[in-house]
Amino acid sequence: MVQSKTGLFKKELTDMADLFKALSHPARLRILQFLAESKTCITGDISDELPLGRTTVNQHLKELKDAGLIKGETEGVKVNYCLNDVNIRKMENQLSGFLGNLKACDSEHQNCNS
C-alpha cells in the first residue's frame, strides 16, 4: 500500500496545501467571488450563477465548506451560504506571509537567471 508523504512536512505547509487545493478550481473561485460580490448570505441556488449543474456546484460548495472558506447553515429546506470572514482573513495572512517569504528568498538570490 502506498503511504502519503504529507506527514513528513510541517502542519503549516500541509494546511496551506489543503487550502490551495480548495482554491484550485475556477468554479470554486467564482463561488467565492459571487459570495463576496453579494455582500450577504445567499439562500438561492448558486448554480444559477455558474455554467455547471446543481450537483457539481454542490460538490464545489462542499469543498469550500470543508476548507472553512464558506459557511452553510440549513434553514428549513434551503441552505444559506456565506463567506467565513474569519477564515478568509486567516487565509489572506497565510498567503501574504508565504508570498513574502518567497520574495525574501528571491531577493537573496538576485544572481539567478531563470
C-alpha atoms as a PDB file:
ATOM      1  CA  MET A   1       0.000   0.000   0.000  1.00  0.00           C
ATOM      2  CA  VAL A   2       1.271   3.470  -0.913  1.00  0.00           C
ATOM      3  CA  GLN A   3       1.698   5.768   2.053  1.00  0.00           C
ATOM      4  CA  SER A   4       1.185   9.544   1.893  1.00  0.00           C
ATOM      5  CA  LYS A   5       4.317  11.638   2.317  1.00  0.00           C
ATOM      6  CA  THR A   6       2.466  14.749   3.501  1.00  0.00           C
ATOM      7  CA  GLY A   7       3.105  13.682   7.099  1.00  0.00           C
ATOM      8  CA  LEU A   8       6.779  14.440   6.511  1.00  0.00           C
ATOM      9  CA  PHE A   9       6.055  18.174   6.300  1.00  0.00           C
ATOM     10  CA  LYS A  10       5.145  20.784   8.881  1.00  0.00           C
ATOM     11  CA  LYS A  11       1.440  21.155   9.617  1.00  0.00           C
ATOM     12  CA  GLU A  12       1.585  24.768   8.424  1.00  0.00           C
ATOM     13  CA  LEU A  13       2.596  23.608   4.932  1.00  0.00           C
ATOM     14  CA  THR A  14       0.065  20.788   4.747  1.00  0.00           C
ATOM     15  CA  ASP A  15      -2.690  23.191   5.868  1.00  0.00           C
ATOM     16  CA  MET A  16      -1.682  25.643   3.127  1.00  0.00           C
ATOM     17  CA  ALA A  17      -1.585  22.828   0.564  1.00  0.00           C
ATOM     18  CA  ASP A  18      -5.141  21.857   1.566  1.00  0.00           C
ATOM     19  CA  LEU A  19      -6.183  25.484   1.173  1.00  0.00           C
ATOM     20  CA  PHE A  20      -4.547  25.739  -2.247  1.00  0.00           C
ATOM     21  CA  LYS A  21      -6.331  22.544  -3.269  1.00  0.00           C
ATOM     22  CA  ALA A  22      -9.664  24.078  -2.260  1.00  0.00           C
ATOM     23  CA  LEU A  23      -8.836  27.119  -4.412  1.00  0.00           C
ATOM     24  CA  SER A  24      -7.613  25.080  -7.374  1.00  0.00           C
ATOM     25  CA  HIS A  25     -10.800  25.097  -9.431  1.00  0.00           C
ATOM     26  CA  PRO A  26     -12.222  28.108 -11.281  1.00  0.00           C
ATOM     27  CA  ALA A  27     -15.764  27.219 -10.166  1.00  0.00           C
ATOM     28  CA  ARG A  28     -14.714  27.484  -6.521  1.00  0.00           C
ATOM     29  CA  LEU A  29     -13.006  30.800  -7.156  1.00  0.00           C
ATOM     30  CA  ARG A  30     -16.165  32.058  -8.888  1.00  0.00           C
ATOM     31  CA  ILE A  31     -18.316  30.917  -5.963  1.00  0.00           C
ATOM     32  CA  LEU A  32     -16.086  32.880  -3.579  1.00  0.00           C
ATOM     33  CA  GLN A  33     -16.248  35.922  -5.876  1.00  0.00           C
ATOM     34  CA  PHE A  34     -20.018  35.665  -6.123  1.00  0.00           C
ATOM     35  CA  LEU A  35     -20.451  35.465  -2.349  1.00  0.00           C
ATOM     36  CA  ALA A  36     -18.081  38.418  -1.878  1.00  0.00           C
ATOM     37  CA  GLU A  37     -19.886  40.497  -4.523  1.00  0.00           C
ATOM     38  CA  SER A  38     -23.261  39.683  -2.964  1.00  0.00           C
ATOM     39  CA  LYS A  39     -22.137  41.054   0.412  1.00  0.00           C
ATOM     40  CA  THR A  40     -24.816  38.903   2.034  1.00  0.00           C
ATOM     41  CA  CYS A  41     -25.665  35.272   2.646  1.00  0.00           C
ATOM     42  CA  ILE A  42     -27.163  33.508  -0.356  1.00  0.00           C
ATOM     43  CA  THR A  43     -30.181  31.304   0.145  1.00  0.00           C
ATOM     44  CA  GLY A  44     -30.950  30.796  -3.536  1.00  0.00           C
ATOM     45  CA  ASP A  45     -29.442  28.364  -5.973  1.00  0.00           C
ATOM     46  CA  ILE A  46     -25.819  29.361  -6.605  1.00  0.00           C
ATOM     47  CA  SER A  47     -25.770  27.054  -9.640  1.00  0.00           C
ATOM     48  CA  ASP A  48     -27.779  29.752 -11.466  1.00  0.00           C
ATOM     49  CA  GLU A  49     -24.568  31.831 -11.383  1.00  0.00           C
ATOM     50  CA  LEU A  50     -22.308  29.152 -12.871  1.00  0.00           C
ATOM     51  CA  PRO A  51     -22.236  27.218 -16.136  1.00  0.00           C
ATOM     52  CA  LEU A  52     -22.410  23.958 -14.169  1.00  0.00           C
ATOM     53  CA  GLY A  53     -25.119  21.646 -12.941  1.00  0.00           C
ATOM     54  CA  ARG A  54     -26.533  21.824  -9.433  1.00  0.00           C
ATOM     55  CA  THR A  55     -24.858  18.577  -8.324  1.00  0.00           C
ATOM     56  CA  THR A  56     -21.439  19.766  -9.498  1.00  0.00           C
ATOM     57  CA  VAL A  57     -21.879  23.150  -7.804  1.00  0.00           C
ATOM     58  CA  ASN A  58     -22.902  21.383  -4.589  1.00  0.00           C
ATOM     59  CA  GLN A  59     -19.677  19.350  -4.710  1.00  0.00           C
ATOM     60  CA  HIS A  60     -17.667  22.563  -5.063  1.00  0.00           C
ATOM     61  CA  LEU A  61     -19.613  24.170  -2.205  1.00  0.00           C
ATOM     62  CA  LYS A  62     -18.775  21.143  -0.056  1.00  0.00           C
ATOM     63  CA  GLU A  63     -15.048  21.518  -0.831  1.00  0.00           C
ATOM     64  CA  LEU A  64     -15.141  25.208   0.111  1.00  0.00           C
ATOM     65  CA  LYS A  65     -17.095  24.446   3.264  1.00  0.00           C
ATOM     66  CA  ASP A  66     -14.710  21.637   4.247  1.00  0.00           C
ATOM     67  CA  ALA A  67     -11.807  24.074   3.763  1.00  0.00           C
ATOM     68  CA  GLY A  68     -13.575  26.516   6.079  1.00  0.00           C
ATOM     69  CA  LEU A  69     -13.813  29.260   3.468  1.00  0.00           C
ATOM     70  CA  ILE A  70     -17.606  29.365   3.454  1.00  0.00           C
ATOM     71  CA  LYS A  71     -20.334  28.631   5.963  1.00  0.00           C
ATOM     72  CA  GLY A  72     -23.514  26.829   5.051  1.00  0.00           C
ATOM     73  CA  GLU A  73     -26.347  26.950   7.535  1.00  0.00           C
ATOM     74  CA  THR A  74     -29.521  24.989   6.926  1.00  0.00           C
ATOM     75  CA  GLU A  75     -32.718  26.978   7.232  1.00  0.00           C
ATOM     76  CA  GLY A  76     -35.731  24.814   6.527  1.00  0.00           C
ATOM     77  CA  VAL A  77     -35.143  23.099   3.187  1.00  0.00           C
ATOM     78  CA  LYS A  78     -32.626  25.695   1.984  1.00  0.00           C
ATOM     79  CA  VAL A  79     -29.021  26.393   2.875  1.00  0.00           C
ATOM     80  CA  ASN A  80     -27.660  29.892   3.488  1.00  0.00           C
ATOM     81  CA  TYR A  81     -24.122  30.227   2.163  1.00  0.00           C
ATOM     82  CA  CYS A  82     -21.800  32.976   3.371  1.00  0.00           C
ATOM     83  CA  LEU A  83     -18.102  33.658   3.282  1.00  0.00           C
ATOM     84  CA  ASN A  84     -16.378  32.669   6.507  1.00  0.00           C
ATOM     85  CA  ASP A  85     -14.815  36.085   7.123  1.00  0.00           C
ATOM     86  CA  VAL A  86     -12.560  34.864   9.939  1.00  0.00           C
ATOM     87  CA  ASN A  87     -11.031  32.135   7.787  1.00  0.00           C
ATOM     88  CA  ILE A  88     -10.810  34.407   4.731  1.00  0.00           C
ATOM     89  CA  ARG A  89      -8.691  36.848   6.774  1.00  0.00           C
ATOM     90  CA  LYS A  90      -6.638  33.935   8.107  1.00  0.00           C
ATOM     91  CA  MET A  91      -6.098  32.749   4.517  1.00  0.00           C
ATOM     92  CA  GLU A  92      -5.060  36.254   3.483  1.00  0.00           C
ATOM     93  CA  ASN A  93      -2.471  36.364   6.262  1.00  0.00           C
ATOM     94  CA  GLN A  94      -1.167  32.891   5.424  1.00  0.00           C
ATOM     95  CA  LEU A  95      -0.835  33.689   1.726  1.00  0.00           C
ATOM     96  CA  SER A  96       0.756  37.078   2.389  1.00  0.00           C
ATOM     97  CA  GLY A  97       3.274  35.514   4.752  1.00  0.00           C
ATOM     98  CA  PHE A  98       4.031  32.684   2.338  1.00  0.00           C
ATOM     99  CA  LEU A  99       4.461  35.009  -0.647  1.00  0.00           C
ATOM    100  CA  GLY A 100       6.519  37.399   1.486  1.00  0.00           C
ATOM    101  CA  ASN A 101       8.874  34.528   2.316  1.00  0.00           C
ATOM    102  CA  LEU A 102       9.173  33.693  -1.383  1.00  0.00           C
ATOM    103  CA  LYS A 103      10.004  37.325  -2.206  1.00  0.00           C
ATOM    104  CA  ALA A 104      12.643  37.374   0.538  1.00  0.00           C
ATOM    105  CA  CYS A 105      14.196  34.223  -0.914  1.00  0.00           C
ATOM    106  CA  ASP A 106      14.120  35.745  -4.406  1.00  0.00           C
ATOM    107  CA  SER A 107      15.906  38.924  -3.303  1.00  0.00           C
ATOM    108  CA  GLU A 108      18.624  36.835  -1.645  1.00  0.00           C
ATOM    109  CA  HIS A 109      19.294  35.085  -4.982  1.00  0.00           C
ATOM    110  CA  GLN A 110      19.348  38.038  -7.351  1.00  0.00           C
ATOM    111  CA  ASN A 111      22.111  36.422  -9.397  1.00  0.00           C
ATOM    112  CA  CYS A 112      19.827  33.592 -10.502  1.00  0.00           C
ATOM    113  CA  ASN A 113      18.624  33.835 -14.087  1.00  0.00           C
ATOM    114  CA  SER A 114      15.537  31.836 -14.961  1.00  0.00           C
END
